[in-house]
Amino acid sequence: MTPSPDSVDPTRSKASNDNMRIVIVVCAALFFGVLNSSGVTVILPEMSAAFSVSTGQLSWVMSGYLLTYGLAIPFYGRLADKHGARPLFLLGIVLFSFGSVACLFAPSFETLLGARVLQALGGAAFPGLGMAIASRAYPAERRGIVLGGISATIGIGSAVGPLVAGVISDLVHWRAMFGISAFVILVFPLAWRTLSRDDERAEGSMDVVGGVFMAFGITGLLFAISQSSQTAWSDSAVLTALGVGAAGLIGLVLRQRTSSDPFIPNELVINIRYIRLVTLAFLAAAVNLAALIGFPLMLATQNGLDTLHIGLVMLPGAIATAVFGVLAGRLVDRVGPRLPTRLGGAIMLGTMIALSLFSGESVTTMAILAGLLGSGFALLNTPIAAIVSVMVRPVTLASALSINTMMFFIGGSIGAALFSSIVTANVDALSAWNPLYSGSAINYSDAFTILAIGVAFALALVAPLPTKKMVDIEKAQQAEVGNWTPDCTVPWSPELEEFCPETT
């Protein structure tokens, strides 16, 4: 029998509305952040002309942003474990908005770079903390669809950013792109009223020394990647950055072994399943971002398209990412993560193989493949955050999701640099690595062939992901043991052996 309107619990209805507002806040902030990040690449030539700077100097508009962004993400996560995600997310909105306004009115190139750093400091709060806030607002059985919507938002922002930037630049001015980003401040009042305070906090103080080691590791690695695309891996600056990065990562490992409360919670480090998931996120992002960068480059150099038409060709990818992101979330809630990730990985593998066969072909073919790429990536990537939100304790959820986001970000940076390096190195190649390719865009075919190998590795990590039954057992185990200790210390049921073969 359908309950009458008078029988509906008003408290439950209000909670449901509040949770929906939380998702709206998170998605809105993420959309502005991703739109800005992906759209800025289109207006770089106009910045160069406006400030009369070289290509090397101009690269710091993106490199400075990416370095700061990658560095701030894990710090936000760890601080949120200790002090709650709400104040940090609100701070991120303010910093990103102020940074956007500063970019809009920047009188010099140096001021613009400083404003971009401020933008990155704010925007880094959105992905990991946003997913943590949304995950806490919903029960585990509904997180798939919620995180699917968030993933779809990220995909849409990434895909439509270049199109929006191209249109705004043509109709108004390149600075107007930053003016649009500043509108994120309109989200602040709703975020202030809606975002809840975290009830569970991690004990102890933050390991600043471990955080500094991680900062050096990330900064060195990302700087080397960024510079290598401009010079070469043998360049002294690149080699120095790699040395700094390696030293930072070694220091972080040693600190993890000696600190009683390390920067990365030990329960995440020893959780083999979590390590698999962040590795999967790394590979998925490496392939997807490299392809998203490769598509516009190929369309411009091989098909002779301008910015506006490139954006239109990429539009099916944005639409597919949104639709299949939500679909993947529903599938995770209903049948578990195994089916959507396997399907998404297979679609991405087929798309990469097709791109290695048809690089430089018709615009229609490229639009179809862009749509397949968006759908495959959404199906493969969306379930990762949903699984993470189930397998870790609430007090480490922000760190777990932020580190996952950081690995996604690093993977994307490495994939993009690798793609660019192959395209540059093989520009004069006479034959493609794929023996079936017969077109003229040999360097792009070679780059997409390497991406296909990356997807194959990702599919190997997908194999042990759980079914719906396994996830349900995991939830019951957590509820039964209360203060849950992850991985192989819990008396797992036999049904979970495939998902956790390391159990002793």
Protein backbone atom coordinates (compact mmCIF):
# COMPACT_ATOMS: atom_id res chain seq x y z
CA MET A 1 0.00 0.00 0.00
CA THR A 2 1.28 3.44 -0.87
CA PRO A 3 1.58 5.60 2.26
CA SER A 4 -0.52 8.71 2.42
CA PRO A 5 1.25 12.08 2.44
CA ASP A 6 0.38 12.45 6.10
CA SER A 7 2.21 9.21 6.96
CA VAL A 8 5.56 10.29 5.48
CA ASP A 9 8.20 10.83 8.15
CA PRO A 10 9.07 14.55 7.93
CA THR A 11 12.42 13.98 9.66
CA ARG A 12 13.41 11.37 7.10
CA SER A 13 12.25 13.61 4.25
CA LYS A 14 14.29 16.54 5.57
CA ALA A 15 17.39 14.34 5.92
CA SER A 16 16.96 13.17 2.33
CA ASN A 17 16.70 16.76 1.09
CA ASP A 18 19.77 17.77 3.10
CA ASN A 19 21.76 14.87 1.62
CA MET A 20 20.73 15.88 -1.90
CA ARG A 21 21.89 19.44 -1.20
CA ILE A 22 25.24 18.07 -0.05
CA VAL A 23 25.67 16.27 -3.38
CA ILE A 24 24.67 19.44 -5.25
CA VAL A 25 27.29 21.46 -3.33
CA VAL A 26 30.04 18.92 -4.00
CA CYS A 27 29.17 18.54 -7.70
CA ALA A 28 28.91 22.30 -8.26
CA ALA A 29 32.31 23.01 -6.69
CA LEU A 30 33.92 20.14 -8.56
CA PHE A 31 32.44 21.25 -11.87
CA PHE A 32 33.87 24.77 -11.58
CA GLY A 33 37.26 23.37 -10.55
CA VAL A 34 37.53 20.85 -13.36
CA LEU A 35 36.07 23.26 -15.94
CA ASN A 36 38.79 25.76 -15.09
CA SER A 37 41.58 23.19 -15.19
CA SER A 38 40.62 21.71 -18.57
CA GLY A 39 39.60 25.02 -20.15
CA VAL A 40 42.79 26.94 -19.42
CA THR A 41 44.77 24.81 -21.90
CA VAL A 42 42.81 26.35 -24.77
CA ILE A 43 43.57 29.98 -23.85
CA LEU A 44 47.32 29.51 -23.30
CA PRO A 45 48.28 30.98 -26.72
CA GLU A 46 46.31 34.15 -25.98
CA MET A 47 48.00 34.45 -22.57
CA SER A 48 51.36 34.16 -24.28
CA ALA A 49 50.52 37.01 -26.63
CA ALA A 50 49.02 39.17 -23.87
CA PHE A 51 52.05 38.94 -21.57
CA SER A 52 54.75 38.45 -24.24
CA VAL A 53 56.19 35.34 -22.58
CA SER A 54 57.94 32.33 -24.09
CA THR A 55 56.51 28.85 -24.30
CA GLY A 56 58.75 27.70 -21.46
CA GLN A 57 57.49 30.47 -19.18
CA LEU A 58 53.91 29.89 -20.25
CA SER A 59 54.08 26.21 -19.31
CA TRP A 60 54.18 27.27 -15.66
CA VAL A 61 50.57 28.44 -15.91
CA MET A 62 49.69 24.75 -16.00
CA SER A 63 52.74 23.29 -14.24
CA GLY A 64 52.45 25.57 -11.21
CA TYR A 65 48.77 24.76 -10.90
CA LEU A 66 49.31 21.01 -11.24
CA LEU A 67 52.22 20.90 -8.81
CA THR A 68 50.31 22.82 -6.14
CA TYR A 69 47.15 20.81 -6.74
CA GLY A 70 48.89 17.45 -6.46
CA LEU A 71 50.76 18.57 -3.35
CA ALA A 72 47.70 19.90 -1.52
CA ILE A 73 45.34 16.95 -2.06
CA PRO A 74 46.87 14.51 0.49
CA PHE A 75 47.32 17.30 3.06
CA TYR A 76 43.63 18.14 2.82
CA GLY A 77 42.77 14.49 3.34
CA ARG A 78 44.93 14.06 6.42
CA LEU A 79 43.81 17.36 7.93
CA ALA A 80 40.19 16.32 7.35
CA ASP A 81 40.78 13.06 9.27
CA LYS A 82 41.96 15.14 12.23
CA HIS A 83 39.72 18.23 12.06
CA GLY A 84 36.80 17.37 9.77
CA ALA A 85 36.17 17.90 6.07
CA ARG A 86 33.56 20.68 6.29
CA PRO A 87 35.79 23.66 7.25
CA LEU A 88 38.44 22.65 4.74
CA PHE A 89 35.92 22.32 1.92
CA LEU A 90 34.53 25.78 2.73
CA LEU A 91 38.07 27.18 2.80
CA GLY A 92 38.69 25.60 -0.61
CA ILE A 93 35.68 27.39 -2.11
CA VAL A 94 36.92 30.75 -0.81
CA LEU A 95 40.52 30.26 -1.96
CA PHE A 96 39.50 29.04 -5.41
CA SER A 97 37.11 31.95 -5.90
CA PHE A 98 39.64 34.57 -4.77
CA GLY A 99 42.31 32.97 -6.96
CA SER A 100 39.97 33.10 -9.97
CA VAL A 101 39.26 36.81 -9.41
CA ALA A 102 43.00 37.45 -9.07
CA CYS A 103 43.59 35.66 -12.40
CA LEU A 104 40.82 37.72 -14.01
CA PHE A 105 42.51 41.02 -13.12
CA ALA A 106 46.17 39.93 -13.04
CA PRO A 107 48.25 42.88 -14.37
CA SER A 108 51.39 40.82 -15.00
CA PHE A 109 52.44 37.27 -15.77
CA GLU A 110 54.02 36.87 -12.34
CA THR A 111 50.77 37.92 -10.67
CA LEU A 112 48.87 35.45 -12.82
CA LEU A 113 51.15 32.62 -11.70
CA GLY A 114 50.61 33.51 -8.04
CA ALA A 115 46.86 33.62 -8.60
CA ARG A 116 46.96 30.20 -10.26
CA VAL A 117 48.71 28.77 -7.20
CA LEU A 118 45.95 30.22 -5.01
CA GLN A 119 43.37 28.65 -7.32
CA ALA A 120 45.07 25.27 -6.99
CA LEU A 121 45.21 25.51 -3.20
CA GLY A 122 41.46 25.96 -3.19
CA GLY A 123 40.52 23.52 -5.93
CA ALA A 124 42.52 20.68 -4.36
CA ALA A 125 39.94 20.56 -1.55
CA PHE A 126 37.10 19.58 -3.88
CA PRO A 127 37.74 16.03 -5.21
CA GLY A 128 38.87 13.92 -2.24
CA LEU A 129 37.00 15.85 0.45
CA GLY A 130 33.91 16.14 -1.73
CA MET A 131 33.70 12.37 -2.16
CA ALA A 132 34.30 11.84 1.56
CA ILE A 133 31.52 14.30 2.50
CA ALA A 134 29.07 12.73 0.04
CA SER A 135 29.98 9.20 1.18
CA ARG A 136 29.28 10.02 4.80
CA ALA A 137 25.90 11.51 3.89
CA TYR A 138 24.58 8.28 2.37
CA PRO A 139 24.47 4.64 3.52
CA ALA A 140 26.82 2.20 1.82
CA GLU A 141 24.09 0.66 -0.33
CA ARG A 142 23.40 4.03 -2.01
CA ARG A 143 26.92 5.40 -2.37
CA GLY A 144 27.45 3.96 -5.84
CA ILE A 145 24.87 6.18 -7.51
CA VAL A 146 26.01 9.23 -5.52
CA LEU A 147 29.68 8.78 -6.37
CA GLY A 148 28.65 7.94 -9.92
CA GLY A 149 27.05 11.37 -10.20
CA ILE A 150 30.18 13.00 -8.81
CA SER A 151 32.41 11.11 -11.26
CA ALA A 152 30.08 12.12 -14.08
CA THR A 153 30.44 15.75 -13.02
CA ILE A 154 34.24 15.50 -13.18
CA GLY A 155 34.06 13.88 -16.61
CA ILE A 156 31.69 16.51 -17.96
CA GLY A 157 33.85 19.36 -16.66
CA SER A 158 36.96 17.84 -18.22
CA ALA A 159 35.31 17.27 -21.58
CA VAL A 160 33.38 20.55 -22.00
CA GLY A 161 36.08 22.81 -20.52
CA PRO A 162 37.94 23.28 -23.82
CA LEU A 163 34.68 23.95 -25.67
CA VAL A 164 33.49 26.52 -23.12
CA ALA A 165 36.89 28.21 -23.06
CA GLY A 166 37.00 28.41 -26.84
CA VAL A 167 33.52 29.95 -27.08
CA ILE A 168 34.09 32.41 -24.22
CA SER A 169 37.46 33.45 -25.62
CA ASP A 170 35.98 34.09 -29.07
CA LEU A 171 32.90 35.96 -27.83
CA VAL A 172 34.33 37.90 -24.87
CA HIS A 173 38.00 37.62 -23.82
CA TRP A 174 40.35 34.92 -22.59
CA ARG A 175 40.23 36.40 -19.07
CA ALA A 176 36.48 35.74 -18.94
CA MET A 177 37.22 32.05 -18.40
CA PHE A 178 38.56 32.93 -14.95
CA GLY A 179 35.54 35.11 -14.31
CA ILE A 180 33.32 32.07 -14.84
CA SER A 181 35.45 30.06 -12.39
CA ALA A 182 34.94 32.75 -9.73
CA PHE A 183 31.21 32.02 -9.69
CA VAL A 184 31.98 29.03 -7.45
CA ILE A 185 31.59 31.45 -4.54
CA LEU A 186 27.83 31.26 -5.13
CA VAL A 187 28.00 27.72 -3.76
CA PHE A 188 29.37 28.92 -0.40
CA PRO A 189 26.08 29.94 1.32
CA LEU A 190 24.44 26.60 0.53
CA ALA A 191 27.60 24.75 1.58
CA TRP A 192 27.69 26.65 4.90
CA ARG A 193 24.09 25.69 5.70
CA THR A 194 24.16 22.13 4.38
CA LEU A 195 27.53 20.48 4.99
CA SER A 196 27.48 18.52 8.23
CA ARG A 197 30.23 18.39 10.81
CA ASP A 198 32.16 15.13 11.09
CA ASP A 199 31.34 13.11 14.18
CA GLU A 200 34.36 10.83 14.00
CA ARG A 201 37.89 12.20 14.09
CA ALA A 202 41.23 10.44 14.01
CA GLU A 203 43.27 10.73 17.18
CA GLY A 204 46.78 12.12 17.45
CA SER A 205 48.57 14.91 15.61
CA MET A 206 49.43 15.10 11.94
CA ASP A 207 52.87 13.79 10.98
CA VAL A 208 54.29 16.98 9.47
CA VAL A 209 57.68 15.38 8.72
CA GLY A 210 56.04 12.59 6.73
CA GLY A 211 53.92 15.17 4.93
CA VAL A 212 57.03 17.15 3.97
CA PHE A 213 58.68 14.01 2.59
CA MET A 214 55.56 13.30 0.55
CA ALA A 215 55.54 16.90 -0.66
CA PHE A 216 59.11 16.58 -1.95
CA GLY A 217 58.29 13.25 -3.56
CA ILE A 218 55.21 14.53 -5.37
CA THR A 219 56.76 17.87 -6.33
CA GLY A 220 59.91 16.28 -7.72
CA LEU A 221 58.00 13.67 -9.70
CA LEU A 222 55.43 16.05 -11.18
CA PHE A 223 58.03 18.73 -11.95
CA ALA A 224 60.15 16.16 -13.79
CA ILE A 225 57.13 14.97 -15.77
CA SER A 226 56.11 18.51 -16.65
CA GLN A 227 59.62 19.57 -17.71
CA SER A 228 60.28 16.39 -19.68
CA SER A 229 57.50 17.28 -22.10
CA GLN A 230 59.23 20.62 -22.75
CA THR A 231 62.86 19.41 -22.91
CA ALA A 232 64.00 15.79 -22.45
CA TRP A 233 64.42 13.26 -19.65
CA SER A 234 68.20 13.78 -19.83
CA ASP A 235 67.86 17.49 -19.04
CA SER A 236 69.67 18.48 -15.83
CA ALA A 237 66.54 20.08 -14.33
CA VAL A 238 64.54 16.91 -14.98
CA LEU A 239 67.24 14.69 -13.47
CA THR A 240 67.50 16.95 -10.40
CA ALA A 241 63.75 16.87 -9.93
CA LEU A 242 63.75 13.08 -10.20
CA GLY A 243 66.47 12.94 -7.54
CA VAL A 244 64.47 15.18 -5.21
CA GLY A 245 61.35 13.11 -5.83
CA ALA A 246 63.16 9.83 -5.15
CA ALA A 247 64.69 11.22 -1.94
CA GLY A 248 61.29 12.40 -0.77
CA LEU A 249 59.64 9.05 -1.43
CA ILE A 250 62.46 7.17 0.33
CA GLY A 251 62.14 9.50 3.30
CA LEU A 252 58.37 8.93 3.33
CA VAL A 253 58.82 5.15 3.38
CA LEU A 254 61.31 5.35 6.25
CA ARG A 255 59.02 7.71 8.16
CA GLN A 256 56.07 5.36 7.67
CA ARG A 257 58.09 2.58 9.34
CA THR A 258 59.25 4.63 12.31
CA SER A 259 56.39 7.01 13.17
CA SER A 260 53.68 5.92 15.60
CA ASP A 261 51.11 7.99 13.68
CA PRO A 262 52.44 8.35 10.12
CA PHE A 263 51.16 10.79 7.51
CA ILE A 264 49.55 7.95 5.52
CA PRO A 265 47.54 5.80 7.96
CA ASN A 266 49.19 2.40 8.29
CA GLU A 267 45.88 0.63 7.87
CA LEU A 268 45.81 1.92 4.30
CA VAL A 269 49.41 0.93 3.58
CA ILE A 270 48.89 -2.70 4.68
CA ASN A 271 45.51 -3.01 2.95
CA ILE A 272 46.38 -4.94 -0.21
CA ARG A 273 42.94 -4.39 -1.69
CA TYR A 274 43.22 -0.63 -1.23
CA ILE A 275 46.64 -0.66 -2.90
CA ARG A 276 45.11 -2.50 -5.86
CA LEU A 277 42.36 0.10 -6.15
CA VAL A 278 44.65 3.13 -6.12
CA THR A 279 46.86 1.40 -8.71
CA LEU A 280 43.76 0.85 -10.83
CA ALA A 281 42.86 4.54 -10.46
CA PHE A 282 46.41 5.44 -11.49
CA LEU A 283 46.25 3.35 -14.69
CA ALA A 284 42.71 4.44 -15.61
CA ALA A 285 43.64 8.11 -15.25
CA ALA A 286 46.91 7.68 -17.16
CA VAL A 287 45.12 6.22 -20.17
CA ASN A 288 42.09 8.53 -20.06
CA LEU A 289 43.89 11.85 -19.61
CA ALA A 290 46.52 10.94 -22.20
CA ALA A 291 43.75 10.16 -24.68
CA LEU A 292 41.85 13.36 -23.83
CA ILE A 293 45.01 15.36 -24.55
CA GLY A 294 45.87 13.27 -27.60
CA PHE A 295 42.46 13.69 -29.23
CA PRO A 296 42.63 17.51 -29.58
CA LEU A 297 46.27 17.41 -30.71
CA MET A 298 45.48 14.83 -33.37
CA LEU A 299 42.34 16.64 -34.53
CA ALA A 300 44.30 19.89 -34.86
CA THR A 301 47.39 18.50 -36.60
CA GLN A 302 45.87 15.71 -38.69
CA ASN A 303 42.31 16.93 -39.34
CA GLY A 304 43.00 20.68 -39.32
CA LEU A 305 40.18 21.55 -36.88
CA ASP A 306 40.00 24.76 -34.86
CA THR A 307 39.27 24.94 -31.12
CA LEU A 308 35.49 25.19 -31.46
CA HIS A 309 35.18 22.20 -33.78
CA ILE A 310 37.57 20.14 -31.66
CA GLY A 311 35.29 20.78 -28.69
CA LEU A 312 32.27 19.64 -30.71
CA VAL A 313 34.02 16.40 -31.70
CA MET A 314 34.84 15.78 -28.02
CA LEU A 315 31.26 16.50 -26.92
CA PRO A 316 30.03 12.87 -27.30
CA GLY A 317 32.70 11.90 -24.78
CA ALA A 318 31.31 14.40 -22.26
CA ILE A 319 27.76 13.15 -22.74
CA ALA A 320 28.83 9.50 -22.48
CA THR A 321 30.84 10.20 -19.33
CA ALA A 322 27.78 11.74 -17.64
CA VAL A 323 25.33 9.02 -18.70
CA PHE A 324 27.59 6.06 -17.99
CA GLY A 325 28.94 7.56 -14.76
CA VAL A 326 25.42 7.49 -13.32
CA LEU A 327 24.81 4.04 -14.84
CA ALA A 328 28.01 2.72 -13.28
CA GLY A 329 26.89 4.02 -9.88
CA ARG A 330 23.56 2.21 -10.20
CA LEU A 331 25.31 -1.00 -11.25
CA VAL A 332 27.65 -0.85 -8.26
CA ASP A 333 24.69 -0.55 -5.89
CA ARG A 334 22.76 -3.37 -7.57
CA VAL A 335 25.30 -5.95 -8.75
CA GLY A 336 28.62 -4.84 -7.23
CA PRO A 337 31.71 -3.31 -8.87
CA ARG A 338 32.95 -6.33 -10.80
CA LEU A 339 30.58 -6.08 -13.79
CA PRO A 340 30.89 -2.33 -14.55
CA THR A 341 34.68 -2.29 -14.16
CA ARG A 342 35.17 -5.30 -16.42
CA LEU A 343 32.80 -3.84 -19.01
CA GLY A 344 34.45 -0.41 -18.80
CA GLY A 345 37.94 -1.85 -19.10
CA ALA A 346 36.92 -3.89 -22.14
CA ILE A 347 35.38 -0.81 -23.82
CA MET A 348 38.49 1.27 -23.12
CA LEU A 349 40.76 -1.47 -24.46
CA GLY A 350 38.71 -1.75 -27.63
CA THR A 351 38.74 2.04 -28.02
CA MET A 352 42.53 2.26 -27.68
CA ILE A 353 43.01 -0.53 -30.21
CA ALA A 354 40.61 1.22 -32.60
CA LEU A 355 42.49 4.51 -32.17
CA SER A 356 45.79 2.77 -32.93
CA LEU A 357 44.16 1.48 -36.14
CA PHE A 358 42.29 4.63 -37.23
CA SER A 359 44.42 7.56 -36.01
CA GLY A 360 43.95 10.53 -38.31
CA GLU A 361 40.77 9.16 -39.87
CA SER A 362 37.47 11.00 -40.35
CA VAL A 363 36.03 13.38 -37.78
CA THR A 364 32.93 11.19 -37.48
CA THR A 365 35.06 8.19 -36.51
CA MET A 366 36.89 10.24 -33.92
CA ALA A 367 33.61 11.50 -32.41
CA ILE A 368 32.34 7.93 -32.06
CA LEU A 369 35.58 6.81 -30.42
CA ALA A 370 35.47 9.82 -28.06
CA GLY A 371 32.03 8.68 -26.95
CA LEU A 372 33.27 5.12 -26.38
CA LEU A 373 36.23 6.43 -24.40
CA GLY A 374 33.95 8.45 -22.13
CA SER A 375 31.60 5.53 -21.49
CA GLY A 376 34.39 3.04 -20.85
CA PHE A 377 36.26 5.34 -18.47
CA ALA A 378 33.10 6.13 -16.49
CA LEU A 379 32.30 2.43 -16.06
CA LEU A 380 35.88 1.59 -15.06
CA ASN A 381 36.65 4.50 -12.77
CA THR A 382 33.36 5.29 -10.99
CA PRO A 383 33.20 2.12 -8.84
CA ILE A 384 36.65 2.73 -7.31
CA ALA A 385 35.57 5.45 -4.86
CA ALA A 386 32.46 3.46 -3.94
CA ILE A 387 34.58 0.42 -2.98
CA VAL A 388 37.05 2.56 -1.04
CA SER A 389 34.20 4.12 0.97
CA VAL A 390 33.17 0.63 2.12
CA MET A 391 36.55 -0.91 2.90
CA VAL A 392 38.03 1.80 5.17
CA ARG A 393 37.00 3.14 8.56
CA PRO A 394 35.18 6.51 8.65
CA VAL A 395 38.07 8.15 10.52
CA THR A 396 40.44 7.47 7.61
CA LEU A 397 37.94 7.92 4.77
CA ALA A 398 39.11 11.43 3.83
CA SER A 399 42.74 10.28 3.65
CA ALA A 400 41.82 7.16 1.68
CA LEU A 401 39.82 9.06 -0.94
CA SER A 402 42.35 11.93 -1.13
CA ILE A 403 45.26 9.54 -1.70
CA ASN A 404 43.18 7.76 -4.33
CA THR A 405 42.57 11.14 -6.00
CA MET A 406 46.26 11.98 -5.77
CA MET A 407 47.19 8.72 -7.50
CA PHE A 408 44.56 9.45 -10.15
CA PHE A 409 46.12 12.89 -10.63
CA ILE A 410 49.70 11.57 -10.81
CA GLY A 411 48.62 8.84 -13.22
CA GLY A 412 47.01 11.40 -15.50
CA SER A 413 50.15 13.55 -15.46
CA ILE A 414 52.42 10.62 -16.28
CA GLY A 415 50.09 9.35 -19.01
CA ALA A 416 49.89 12.77 -20.65
CA ALA A 417 53.67 13.21 -20.55
CA LEU A 418 54.24 9.72 -21.96
CA PHE A 419 51.76 10.33 -24.78
CA SER A 420 53.36 13.66 -25.68
CA SER A 421 56.84 12.14 -25.61
CA ILE A 422 55.87 9.33 -27.99
CA VAL A 423 54.10 11.70 -30.39
CA THR A 424 57.16 13.97 -30.46
CA ALA A 425 59.76 11.19 -30.70
CA ASN A 426 57.97 9.28 -33.48
CA VAL A 427 56.93 12.21 -35.64
CA ASP A 428 59.25 11.08 -38.45
CA ALA A 429 58.67 7.34 -38.03
CA LEU A 430 58.22 5.40 -41.27
CA SER A 431 56.19 2.49 -39.87
CA ALA A 432 53.79 2.12 -36.95
CA TRP A 433 54.20 -0.27 -34.03
CA ASN A 434 50.75 -1.61 -34.88
CA PRO A 435 51.43 -3.63 -38.08
CA LEU A 436 47.81 -3.22 -39.19
CA TYR A 437 47.97 0.60 -39.27
CA SER A 438 48.34 2.12 -42.74
CA GLY A 439 47.59 5.82 -42.18
CA SER A 440 49.85 8.86 -41.98
CA ALA A 441 49.44 9.67 -38.24
CA ILE A 442 52.01 7.05 -37.26
CA ASN A 443 53.16 8.82 -34.10
CA TYR A 444 49.61 9.02 -32.74
CA SER A 445 48.95 5.38 -33.61
CA ASP A 446 52.06 4.41 -31.63
CA ALA A 447 50.97 6.46 -28.61
CA PHE A 448 47.51 4.88 -28.56
CA THR A 449 49.10 1.43 -28.88
CA ILE A 450 51.00 2.06 -25.63
CA LEU A 451 47.78 3.22 -23.97
CA ALA A 452 46.14 -0.07 -24.97
CA ILE A 453 48.86 -1.89 -23.03
CA GLY A 454 48.07 0.28 -20.00
CA VAL A 455 44.39 -0.70 -20.19
CA ALA A 456 45.38 -4.37 -20.35
CA PHE A 457 47.24 -3.98 -17.03
CA ALA A 458 44.18 -2.25 -15.56
CA LEU A 459 41.97 -5.18 -16.60
CA ALA A 460 44.27 -7.53 -14.68
CA LEU A 461 43.59 -5.49 -11.51
CA VAL A 462 39.84 -5.57 -12.17
CA ALA A 463 39.71 -9.38 -12.08
CA PRO A 464 39.62 -9.82 -8.25
CA LEU A 465 37.10 -7.02 -7.57
CA PRO A 466 34.10 -8.19 -5.52
CA THR A 467 30.59 -9.12 -6.53
CA LYS A 468 27.55 -7.64 -4.82
CA LYS A 469 27.43 -10.61 -2.42
CA MET A 470 31.02 -10.04 -1.37
CA VAL A 471 30.41 -6.34 -0.73
CA ASP A 472 27.34 -7.15 1.38
CA ILE A 473 29.38 -9.60 3.46
CA GLU A 474 32.04 -6.94 3.93
CA LYS A 475 29.45 -4.46 5.20
CA ALA A 476 28.08 -7.07 7.63
CA GLN A 477 31.60 -7.82 8.87
CA GLN A 478 32.23 -4.13 9.54
CA ALA A 479 28.96 -3.78 11.46
CA GLU A 480 29.73 -6.92 13.49
CA VAL A 481 33.26 -6.06 14.57
CA GLY A 482 32.53 -2.37 15.20
CA ASN A 483 35.95 -0.73 15.30
CA TRP A 484 36.95 -2.51 12.12
CA THR A 485 40.58 -3.46 11.42
CA PRO A 486 41.02 -3.76 7.68
CA ASP A 487 42.50 -6.49 5.54
CA CYS A 488 43.75 -9.82 6.83
CA THR A 489 43.14 -9.48 10.60
CA VAL A 490 39.36 -9.94 10.41
CA PRO A 491 37.90 -13.49 10.28
CA TRP A 492 36.68 -13.18 6.70
CA SER A 493 33.98 -15.44 5.31
CA PRO A 494 34.99 -17.96 2.60
CA GLU A 495 33.04 -15.96 0.03
CA LEU A 496 35.61 -13.17 0.34
CA GLU A 497 38.67 -15.30 -0.41
CA GLU A 498 38.68 -14.29 -4.08
CA PHE A 499 38.62 -10.63 -3.11
CA CYS A 500 41.21 -10.99 -0.35
CA PRO A 501 43.43 -13.98 -1.19
CA GLU A 502 46.08 -12.67 1.23
CA THR A 503 43.86 -13.58 4.22
CA THR A 504 45.67 -15.74 6.76
